[in-house]
Amino acid sequence: MKKIQIVVLLILSFIVQSCGIYSFTGTNIQPDVKTIQIDYFPNNAVLVEPSLSQKFTTDLQDLFLRQTNLDLVKSGGDLQFEGEITGYKINPMTATAAQTAAQNRLTITVNVRFFNNKFEDDNFEQSFSHYYDYDANVILSGSALEDAFSEIIERITQDIFNASVAKW
């Protein structure tokens, strides 16, 4: 009877310990990493949309706060992000028979420097970019601009998350 209890105890301790390794968000954050610092991303692109920097920075912070247990700090974070928006451009994508644009593409590019102050081998500098296609008759302002920003920023911030803590 005592042997069965020991075997059951060993199996349970193995199961509990194994569950600690898995993360439902797919992150690969070492246990001693507790804080994250995400600096403001200024817009250094040739074309500047005034609300883009604040929206991007806030959305990146929100993503990490939602999907990790890290505490956001203003300085001295175990993980640190800094960078700038380097590209904001609108290009025609398809033409009509009258040789005018039928569809335009908004592309945003962000340069990111990531520092893991606990494990410096994880550090990187990389550009992330995504686009949003829209009808050429649409003026990119108001809700149309918000829709474009939401789609582009969601993709870029998820790519940054995956490259830094999910290691995808």
Foldseek 3Di string as FASTA:
>chain_A
DVVVVVVVVVVVVVVVVVVVCDFPLLFADDPVQAAEEEDFAEAPEPDDDPCQRVVLSVVLVVVCVVRHNHHYDHDDHQKYKYWYWHYWDKDQDDADPVGDGQKIKTKTKIWMWMARNVDRVLTDIDMFMDMDMDGPVDDCDDVNVVVGSVVTSVVRSVVVSCSRTNVD
